[in-house]
Amino acid sequence: VHTLVLGDINRAFLMHPVKTVDNPVVHHIATSDNQGCADPFVWKDPDDIVGAPYKMICTGGDISLYSSGLIGRKDSFTYDGVMLGNPKPDWASNSNRWAPENIPLGNGKNLAIFSSPQLNGVHRLGAVMSVEGVGDRKWTTYSASTFALGIPNNDGGDIDAHFFKENGKIYVLWKTDDNVVGMPYTRLWINEVSISLEDADFLQLIGEPVMILDSTALWWIDSWVSGGSLIEGPQLIKKDAYYYLFFAAGKYCQPSYAQGVARSMSIFGPYSKLGVPILSTGTVG
């Protein structure tokens, strides 16, 4: 019997079937410039009713912006420029910006959130506003500072923010980047927020952050920390009675990278983890 262990060169195959040489799986590149899109986020722009309403933004630099009229297996997103305008505040001055998300507020207003390295190299979350719709360098009004999320001993930073809306309430989920400081596991958090365009930071926390998931007890997850486990990139949906919390896991751009899910009947948990990945690098090649 073959024993499946972290680092085994056969682990991707044993987790999921992989493509073959003679009949390979071919994946359509969804960006017109063939550049790819790390940490993609797609939304439907309610203000674009005649053009290409599906918008996509990506990790890095001034945050590439794409659009498409349709979303399908053979549809492509056209490059429209970049999201971020100038001047940028000190907290957003480093171009190594990660995992942006945008929430449309109507009447041309859009609020985006992303993480950016601070002077000590640690990523923190901040926001930027567009009041002129979706377009090249339209996001120009930045939050006064990064968000004070109130998590003690959080030296690793905060990344991978995600907006979730339900019954008129807005929540933000994110990852504390615990692996950066050598922690053997990483954590996902949630906090209800309110949005005020008159406030210098745009987002106000309601209540305290709640840790809703950690990376422990999942055999298929590894980490950049030896012997550890890592989850990131939370995405939350509601289906019938359950909240489904999707997350990326393992080392990005490595055979171990995979997608997992947990579910709960309460938005604040506890969440039950599915014991196997639902998608892995081996699945898609």
Protein backbone atom coordinates (compact mmCIF):
# COMPACT_ATOMS: atom_id res chain seq x y z
CA VAL A 1 0.00 0.00 0.00
CA HIS A 2 1.42 3.37 -0.99
CA THR A 3 1.56 5.78 1.93
CA LEU A 4 0.50 9.32 1.06
CA VAL A 5 2.73 11.85 2.76
CA LEU A 6 3.40 15.54 2.30
CA GLY A 7 6.14 16.05 -0.23
CA ASP A 8 5.54 12.72 -1.99
CA ILE A 9 5.92 13.28 -5.74
CA ASN A 10 2.86 11.06 -6.31
CA ARG A 11 0.56 12.89 -3.90
CA ALA A 12 -1.14 15.02 -6.57
CA PHE A 13 -2.12 11.90 -8.52
CA LEU A 14 -3.33 10.11 -5.44
CA MET A 15 -5.45 13.09 -4.43
CA HIS A 16 -7.03 13.58 -7.87
CA PRO A 17 -6.54 12.26 -11.42
CA VAL A 18 -4.15 14.31 -13.53
CA LYS A 19 -3.91 15.11 -17.24
CA THR A 20 -2.22 12.78 -19.71
CA VAL A 21 0.40 13.48 -22.38
CA ASP A 22 -1.52 11.96 -25.32
CA ASN A 23 -4.90 13.49 -24.42
CA PRO A 24 -4.11 16.51 -22.27
CA VAL A 25 -6.63 18.75 -20.57
CA VAL A 26 -6.44 22.16 -22.27
CA HIS A 27 -7.56 25.17 -20.28
CA HIS A 28 -8.67 28.35 -21.98
CA ILE A 29 -6.73 31.43 -20.86
CA ALA A 30 -9.43 33.89 -19.89
CA THR A 31 -7.44 37.10 -20.42
CA SER A 32 -7.11 38.63 -23.87
CA ASP A 33 -3.46 39.57 -23.29
CA ASN A 34 -2.57 36.02 -22.17
CA GLN A 35 -0.99 37.42 -19.02
CA GLY A 36 -3.12 35.40 -16.65
CA CYS A 37 -4.67 36.80 -13.49
CA ALA A 38 -3.43 35.86 -10.02
CA ASP A 39 -6.04 36.02 -7.24
CA PRO A 40 -8.81 36.89 -9.72
CA PHE A 41 -11.98 38.59 -8.50
CA VAL A 42 -14.97 38.95 -10.83
CA TRP A 43 -18.15 40.95 -10.29
CA LYS A 44 -21.07 42.18 -12.37
CA ASP A 45 -21.11 45.97 -12.62
CA PRO A 46 -24.71 47.18 -12.03
CA ASP A 47 -23.90 50.48 -13.75
CA ASP A 48 -22.82 48.82 -17.02
CA ILE A 49 -26.08 47.80 -18.69
CA VAL A 50 -25.08 47.90 -22.37
CA GLY A 51 -21.38 47.06 -22.55
CA ALA A 52 -19.27 44.38 -20.88
CA PRO A 53 -20.65 44.20 -17.34
CA TYR A 54 -18.41 41.45 -15.97
CA LYS A 55 -15.28 43.00 -14.46
CA MET A 56 -12.14 41.26 -13.23
CA ILE A 57 -9.22 42.51 -11.15
CA CYS A 58 -5.94 40.78 -10.30
CA THR A 59 -3.06 40.80 -7.83
CA GLY A 60 -0.04 43.02 -8.40
CA GLY A 61 1.08 46.50 -9.36
CA ASP A 62 -1.71 49.01 -9.96
CA ILE A 63 -4.18 46.08 -10.13
CA SER A 64 -5.01 45.06 -13.69
CA LEU A 65 -8.62 45.59 -14.78
CA TYR A 66 -10.46 43.49 -17.37
CA SER A 67 -14.03 43.28 -18.70
CA SER A 68 -16.21 40.77 -20.55
CA GLY A 69 -19.74 40.65 -21.91
CA LEU A 70 -20.15 37.00 -20.95
CA ILE A 71 -18.66 34.39 -18.65
CA GLY A 72 -18.22 30.99 -20.20
CA ARG A 73 -15.68 28.31 -20.98
CA LYS A 74 -14.52 30.08 -24.15
CA ASP A 75 -15.13 33.72 -23.24
CA SER A 76 -12.25 36.12 -22.67
CA PHE A 77 -11.73 39.21 -20.55
CA THR A 78 -10.37 42.26 -22.38
CA TYR A 79 -7.68 44.35 -20.72
CA ASP A 80 -9.05 47.79 -19.80
CA GLY A 81 -6.09 49.27 -17.92
CA VAL A 82 -5.52 49.38 -14.18
CA MET A 83 -7.65 50.10 -11.17
CA LEU A 84 -5.49 52.36 -9.02
CA GLY A 85 -4.98 56.04 -9.68
CA ASN A 86 -2.48 58.49 -8.24
CA PRO A 87 -1.36 59.88 -5.89
CA LYS A 88 -1.17 56.94 -3.51
CA PRO A 89 -0.82 57.30 0.27
CA ASP A 90 2.15 55.86 2.13
CA TRP A 91 0.29 52.72 3.20
CA ALA A 92 -0.38 51.81 -0.48
CA SER A 93 2.92 53.00 -1.98
CA ASN A 94 4.51 49.54 -2.33
CA SER A 95 3.51 47.93 -5.65
CA ASN A 96 3.41 44.39 -4.20
CA ARG A 97 -0.36 44.66 -3.73
CA TRP A 98 -2.34 41.45 -3.21
CA ALA A 99 -5.81 39.97 -3.71
CA PRO A 100 -8.09 42.94 -4.46
CA GLU A 101 -11.88 42.74 -4.18
CA ASN A 102 -14.48 45.32 -5.15
CA ILE A 103 -18.01 45.96 -3.92
CA PRO A 104 -20.26 48.07 -6.19
CA LEU A 105 -22.35 50.61 -4.29
CA GLY A 106 -24.40 51.95 -7.21
CA ASN A 107 -24.45 55.28 -9.07
CA GLY A 108 -20.86 54.83 -10.16
CA LYS A 109 -19.49 54.29 -6.66
CA ASN A 110 -17.18 51.31 -6.04
CA LEU A 111 -15.20 50.38 -2.95
CA ALA A 112 -12.18 48.09 -3.33
CA ILE A 113 -10.06 46.47 -0.64
CA PHE A 114 -6.54 45.03 -0.98
CA SER A 115 -3.41 44.40 1.04
CA SER A 116 -0.13 46.25 0.63
CA PRO A 117 3.25 45.88 2.39
CA GLN A 118 4.07 48.45 5.05
CA LEU A 119 7.52 49.77 5.91
CA ASN A 120 8.25 46.63 7.96
CA GLY A 121 7.32 44.41 5.00
CA VAL A 122 4.09 43.14 6.59
CA HIS A 123 0.91 43.30 4.49
CA ARG A 124 -2.05 45.22 5.89
CA LEU A 125 -5.51 45.87 4.45
CA GLY A 126 -6.77 49.21 3.19
CA ALA A 127 -9.47 50.51 0.84
CA VAL A 128 -9.85 52.77 -2.17
CA MET A 129 -12.95 54.39 -3.67
CA SER A 130 -14.12 55.20 -7.20
CA VAL A 131 -16.96 57.67 -7.66
CA GLU A 132 -16.69 57.69 -11.46
CA GLY A 133 -17.60 54.12 -12.26
CA VAL A 134 -15.36 51.28 -13.41
CA GLY A 135 -12.48 52.28 -15.66
CA ASP A 136 -8.77 52.87 -16.03
CA ARG A 137 -7.36 54.52 -12.86
CA LYS A 138 -10.82 55.48 -11.58
CA TRP A 139 -10.12 54.37 -7.98
CA THR A 140 -8.43 57.48 -6.59
CA THR A 141 -9.71 58.13 -3.05
CA TYR A 142 -7.77 55.99 -0.57
CA SER A 143 -8.54 55.21 3.04
CA ALA A 144 -6.55 57.38 5.44
CA SER A 145 -4.75 54.34 6.84
CA THR A 146 -4.81 50.56 6.96
CA PHE A 147 -7.54 48.94 9.02
CA ALA A 148 -7.03 48.38 12.74
CA LEU A 149 -8.61 44.94 12.99
CA GLY A 150 -8.00 44.47 16.68
CA ILE A 151 -6.39 41.03 16.60
CA PRO A 152 -3.72 40.72 19.34
CA ASN A 153 -0.26 39.35 18.52
CA ASN A 154 -0.92 39.59 14.80
CA ASP A 155 2.62 40.20 13.62
CA GLY A 156 2.18 38.37 10.30
CA GLY A 157 -0.26 40.84 8.79
CA ASP A 158 -3.66 40.63 7.09
CA ILE A 159 -4.36 39.57 3.49
CA ASP A 160 -7.03 38.13 1.15
CA ALA A 161 -10.01 40.25 2.16
CA HIS A 162 -13.46 39.17 0.92
CA PHE A 163 -16.81 40.99 1.09
CA PHE A 164 -20.00 39.05 1.87
CA LYS A 165 -23.50 40.60 1.87
CA GLU A 166 -26.63 39.16 3.45
CA ASN A 167 -29.94 40.71 4.51
CA GLY A 168 -28.60 44.25 4.28
CA LYS A 169 -25.50 43.46 6.32
CA ILE A 170 -21.92 43.49 5.02
CA TYR A 171 -19.11 41.33 6.34
CA VAL A 172 -15.39 41.23 5.61
CA LEU A 173 -13.43 37.97 5.79
CA TRP A 174 -9.64 37.75 5.68
CA LYS A 175 -6.58 35.71 6.53
CA THR A 176 -4.02 36.55 9.18
CA ASP A 177 -0.73 35.79 7.43
CA ASP A 178 0.47 33.64 10.32
CA ASN A 179 2.90 31.53 8.28
CA VAL A 180 5.03 34.65 7.66
CA VAL A 181 6.04 34.61 11.33
CA GLY A 182 6.53 30.84 11.46
CA MET A 183 3.22 29.77 12.97
CA PRO A 184 2.42 26.13 12.15
CA TYR A 185 -1.19 26.97 11.20
CA THR A 186 -3.06 29.91 9.69
CA ARG A 187 -6.46 31.44 10.50
CA LEU A 188 -9.47 32.96 8.73
CA TRP A 189 -11.52 35.73 10.34
CA ILE A 190 -14.83 37.54 9.87
CA ASN A 191 -16.20 40.88 11.06
CA GLU A 192 -19.42 42.71 10.27
CA VAL A 193 -18.72 46.19 8.88
CA SER A 194 -20.57 49.32 7.89
CA ILE A 195 -19.61 51.48 4.92
CA SER A 196 -19.56 55.27 5.18
CA LEU A 197 -18.23 57.34 2.31
CA GLU A 198 -17.86 60.28 4.66
CA ASP A 199 -15.49 58.39 6.98
CA ALA A 200 -11.78 58.70 6.17
CA ASP A 201 -11.34 54.92 6.33
CA PHE A 202 -14.67 53.99 4.63
CA LEU A 203 -15.15 50.83 6.71
CA GLN A 204 -16.14 50.69 10.38
CA LEU A 205 -16.01 47.43 12.33
CA ILE A 206 -19.19 46.32 14.12
CA GLY A 207 -18.30 44.19 17.10
CA GLU A 208 -15.13 42.13 17.38
CA PRO A 209 -13.37 39.90 14.81
CA VAL A 210 -14.29 36.21 15.01
CA MET A 211 -11.86 33.46 14.04
CA ILE A 212 -14.01 31.07 11.98
CA LEU A 213 -11.49 28.55 10.64
CA ASP A 214 -7.92 27.40 11.05
CA SER A 215 -5.81 25.04 8.98
CA THR A 216 -5.45 22.23 11.50
CA ALA A 217 -6.63 18.61 11.13
CA LEU A 218 -6.55 18.44 7.33
CA TRP A 219 -4.03 15.81 6.19
CA TRP A 220 -3.76 17.17 2.63
CA ILE A 221 -2.62 20.69 3.57
CA ASP A 222 1.03 21.71 3.85
CA SER A 223 2.76 25.05 4.36
CA TRP A 224 5.90 27.07 3.74
CA VAL A 225 6.50 26.42 7.45
CA SER A 226 8.03 22.97 7.93
CA GLY A 227 5.46 20.60 9.42
CA GLY A 228 2.74 23.24 9.25
CA SER A 229 -0.50 23.79 7.36
CA LEU A 230 -1.75 26.86 5.50
CA ILE A 231 -5.15 28.13 4.33
CA GLU A 232 -5.94 31.46 2.66
CA GLY A 233 -8.23 33.22 0.18
CA PRO A 234 -11.60 32.84 1.96
CA GLN A 235 -14.78 33.00 -0.15
CA LEU A 236 -18.23 32.64 1.44
CA ILE A 237 -21.58 31.73 -0.14
CA LYS A 238 -24.99 30.85 1.34
CA LYS A 239 -26.99 27.91 0.00
CA ASP A 240 -30.23 26.94 1.72
CA ALA A 241 -29.48 26.53 5.43
CA TYR A 242 -25.69 26.43 5.12
CA TYR A 243 -22.86 28.90 4.74
CA TYR A 244 -20.08 27.38 2.62
CA LEU A 245 -16.61 28.73 3.29
CA PHE A 246 -14.19 28.00 0.44
CA PHE A 247 -10.45 28.43 0.92
CA ALA A 248 -7.16 27.85 -0.87
CA ALA A 249 -4.64 25.63 0.87
CA GLY A 250 -0.98 24.69 0.73
CA LYS A 251 1.82 26.34 -1.24
CA TYR A 252 0.71 28.49 -4.16
CA CYS A 253 2.23 27.55 -7.55
CA GLN A 254 3.23 24.17 -6.11
CA PRO A 255 1.74 20.66 -6.56
CA SER A 256 0.28 20.84 -3.05
CA TYR A 257 -1.95 23.86 -3.79
CA ALA A 258 -5.60 22.92 -3.47
CA GLN A 259 -9.09 24.17 -2.68
CA GLY A 260 -11.11 23.14 0.34
CA VAL A 261 -14.48 23.93 1.86
CA ALA A 262 -16.15 23.99 5.26
CA ARG A 263 -19.77 24.65 6.17
CA SER A 264 -21.85 25.97 9.03
CA MET A 265 -25.46 26.91 9.77
CA SER A 266 -24.22 30.11 11.43
CA ILE A 267 -22.12 32.74 9.66
CA PHE A 268 -19.86 32.93 12.71
CA GLY A 269 -19.42 29.14 12.90
CA PRO A 270 -18.43 26.64 14.01
CA TYR A 271 -17.53 25.38 10.53
CA SER A 272 -17.18 21.68 9.73
CA LYS A 273 -14.31 20.99 7.33
CA LEU A 274 -14.66 18.62 4.39
CA GLY A 275 -11.93 16.06 4.95
CA VAL A 276 -10.65 16.01 1.35
CA PRO A 277 -9.89 18.78 -1.19
CA ILE A 278 -12.50 19.65 -3.80
CA LEU A 279 -9.88 20.79 -6.31
CA SER A 280 -6.12 20.48 -6.58
CA THR A 281 -3.27 21.43 -8.88
CA GLY A 282 -3.27 17.83 -10.06
CA THR A 283 -6.87 18.18 -11.24
CA VAL A 284 -6.18 20.99 -13.66
CA GLY A 285 -2.49 20.46 -14.42
